[in-house]
Amino acid sequence: MKVGRYLIVFVLLMCALITFGDRGLIDNFRMKEKMMALKKINHELTLENIALKKNITLLRDDLSYVEMMARSELGMVKKGDLVYRTAQ
């Protein structure tokens, strides 16, 4: 009879260790969630890198794109353009 009780206690202890222990079921679930979040961030960074590479290629090769960026981001004007200033 005592062997049965020890066996039940042993089985319950092992179940607790498997569920709550280091690298147990709960830890495994948390790691899967963390891995999914990291994969999502990795995918977003990959898309951003692709967009940046496209922008670099355009800045190196396309002069009209360089002109457009200089006008919009730096406020540059070309000779012959009319510039209007408003009082603030």
C-alpha atoms as a PDB file:
ATOM      1  CA  MET A   1       0.000   0.000   0.000  1.00  0.00           C
ATOM      2  CA  LYS A   2       2.822   2.392   0.815  1.00  0.00           C
ATOM      3  CA  VAL A   3       4.378   1.695  -2.587  1.00  0.00           C
ATOM      4  CA  GLY A   4       1.125   2.838  -4.246  1.00  0.00           C
ATOM      5  CA  ARG A   5       1.145   6.099  -2.292  1.00  0.00           C
ATOM      6  CA  TYR A   6       4.783   6.749  -3.147  1.00  0.00           C
ATOM      7  CA  LEU A   7       4.031   5.977  -6.781  1.00  0.00           C
ATOM      8  CA  ILE A   8       1.115   8.445  -6.821  1.00  0.00           C
ATOM      9  CA  VAL A   9       3.235  11.141  -5.153  1.00  0.00           C
ATOM     10  CA  PHE A  10       6.045  10.469  -7.617  1.00  0.00           C
ATOM     11  CA  VAL A  11       3.667  10.703 -10.597  1.00  0.00           C
ATOM     12  CA  LEU A  12       2.147  13.950  -9.290  1.00  0.00           C
ATOM     13  CA  LEU A  13       5.601  15.400  -8.697  1.00  0.00           C
ATOM     14  CA  MET A  14       6.673  14.478 -12.225  1.00  0.00           C
ATOM     15  CA  CYS A  15       3.496  16.032 -13.670  1.00  0.00           C
ATOM     16  CA  ALA A  16       4.201  19.231 -11.762  1.00  0.00           C
ATOM     17  CA  LEU A  17       7.795  19.305 -13.020  1.00  0.00           C
ATOM     18  CA  ILE A  18       6.732  18.662 -16.606  1.00  0.00           C
ATOM     19  CA  THR A  19       4.117  21.412 -16.442  1.00  0.00           C
ATOM     20  CA  PHE A  20       5.799  24.103 -14.362  1.00  0.00           C
ATOM     21  CA  GLY A  21       9.500  23.229 -14.453  1.00  0.00           C
ATOM     22  CA  ASP A  22      12.279  24.728 -16.496  1.00  0.00           C
ATOM     23  CA  ARG A  23      11.588  23.933 -20.168  1.00  0.00           C
ATOM     24  CA  GLY A  24       8.188  22.637 -19.148  1.00  0.00           C
ATOM     25  CA  LEU A  25       4.884  23.066 -20.947  1.00  0.00           C
ATOM     26  CA  ILE A  26       4.241  26.608 -19.718  1.00  0.00           C
ATOM     27  CA  ASP A  27       7.782  27.712 -20.542  1.00  0.00           C
ATOM     28  CA  ASN A  28       7.449  26.108 -23.965  1.00  0.00           C
ATOM     29  CA  PHE A  29       4.219  28.008 -24.617  1.00  0.00           C
ATOM     30  CA  ARG A  30       5.835  31.327 -23.626  1.00  0.00           C
ATOM     31  CA  MET A  31       8.830  30.642 -25.867  1.00  0.00           C
ATOM     32  CA  LYS A  32       6.541  29.916 -28.830  1.00  0.00           C
ATOM     33  CA  GLU A  33       4.743  33.229 -28.296  1.00  0.00           C
ATOM     34  CA  LYS A  34       8.065  35.062 -28.063  1.00  0.00           C
ATOM     35  CA  MET A  35       9.323  33.325 -31.203  1.00  0.00           C
ATOM     36  CA  MET A  36       6.200  34.341 -33.130  1.00  0.00           C
ATOM     37  CA  ALA A  37       6.643  37.973 -32.038  1.00  0.00           C
ATOM     38  CA  LEU A  38      10.301  37.912 -33.097  1.00  0.00           C
ATOM     39  CA  LYS A  39       9.373  36.398 -36.472  1.00  0.00           C
ATOM     40  CA  LYS A  40       6.849  39.191 -37.005  1.00  0.00           C
ATOM     41  CA  ILE A  41       9.465  41.844 -36.177  1.00  0.00           C
ATOM     42  CA  ASN A  42      11.955  40.082 -38.465  1.00  0.00           C
ATOM     43  CA  HIS A  43       9.441  40.111 -41.323  1.00  0.00           C
ATOM     44  CA  GLU A  44       8.729  43.825 -40.814  1.00  0.00           C
ATOM     45  CA  LEU A  45      12.462  44.595 -40.833  1.00  0.00           C
ATOM     46  CA  THR A  46      12.899  42.554 -44.005  1.00  0.00           C
ATOM     47  CA  LEU A  47      10.183  44.581 -45.736  1.00  0.00           C
ATOM     48  CA  GLU A  48      11.786  47.809 -44.519  1.00  0.00           C
ATOM     49  CA  ASN A  49      15.182  46.670 -45.845  1.00  0.00           C
ATOM     50  CA  ILE A  50      13.653  45.924 -49.249  1.00  0.00           C
ATOM     51  CA  ALA A  51      12.101  49.406 -49.370  1.00  0.00           C
ATOM     52  CA  LEU A  52      15.385  51.022 -48.338  1.00  0.00           C
ATOM     53  CA  LYS A  53      17.314  49.087 -50.996  1.00  0.00           C
ATOM     54  CA  LYS A  54      14.828  50.279 -53.615  1.00  0.00           C
ATOM     55  CA  ASN A  55      15.247  53.853 -52.379  1.00  0.00           C
ATOM     56  CA  ILE A  56      19.055  53.545 -52.536  1.00  0.00           C
ATOM     57  CA  THR A  57      18.870  52.218 -56.092  1.00  0.00           C
ATOM     58  CA  LEU A  58      16.625  55.090 -57.140  1.00  0.00           C
ATOM     59  CA  LEU A  59      18.896  57.673 -55.501  1.00  0.00           C
ATOM     60  CA  ARG A  60      21.951  56.228 -57.260  1.00  0.00           C
ATOM     61  CA  ASP A  61      20.476  55.817 -60.730  1.00  0.00           C
ATOM     62  CA  ASP A  62      17.443  58.076 -61.255  1.00  0.00           C
ATOM     63  CA  LEU A  63      18.231  61.804 -61.449  1.00  0.00           C
ATOM     64  CA  SER A  64      14.571  62.814 -61.573  1.00  0.00           C
ATOM     65  CA  TYR A  65      14.004  60.952 -58.297  1.00  0.00           C
ATOM     66  CA  VAL A  66      16.990  62.761 -56.740  1.00  0.00           C
ATOM     67  CA  GLU A  67      15.529  66.070 -57.917  1.00  0.00           C
ATOM     68  CA  MET A  68      12.110  65.209 -56.501  1.00  0.00           C
ATOM     69  CA  MET A  69      13.625  64.244 -53.127  1.00  0.00           C
ATOM     70  CA  ALA A  70      15.748  67.429 -53.017  1.00  0.00           C
ATOM     71  CA  ARG A  71      12.671  69.544 -53.714  1.00  0.00           C
ATOM     72  CA  SER A  72      10.353  67.820 -51.255  1.00  0.00           C
ATOM     73  CA  GLU A  73      12.699  67.028 -48.357  1.00  0.00           C
ATOM     74  CA  LEU A  74      15.260  69.816 -48.568  1.00  0.00           C
ATOM     75  CA  GLY A  75      13.078  72.586 -50.019  1.00  0.00           C
ATOM     76  CA  MET A  76      15.454  73.197 -52.923  1.00  0.00           C
ATOM     77  CA  VAL A  77      14.371  75.066 -56.055  1.00  0.00           C
ATOM     78  CA  LYS A  78      15.547  75.055 -59.633  1.00  0.00           C
ATOM     79  CA  LYS A  79      16.687  78.090 -61.595  1.00  0.00           C
ATOM     80  CA  GLY A  80      13.678  79.767 -63.076  1.00  0.00           C
ATOM     81  CA  ASP A  81      11.200  78.530 -60.434  1.00  0.00           C
ATOM     82  CA  LEU A  82       9.020  81.127 -58.753  1.00  0.00           C
ATOM     83  CA  VAL A  83       9.220  81.073 -54.985  1.00  0.00           C
ATOM     84  CA  TYR A  84       6.355  82.496 -52.976  1.00  0.00           C
ATOM     85  CA  ARG A  85       6.894  83.481 -49.383  1.00  0.00           C
ATOM     86  CA  THR A  86       4.000  84.101 -47.084  1.00  0.00           C
ATOM     87  CA  ALA A  87       4.142  86.328 -44.034  1.00  0.00           C
ATOM     88  CA  GLN A  88       3.581  84.582 -40.751  1.00  0.00           C
END
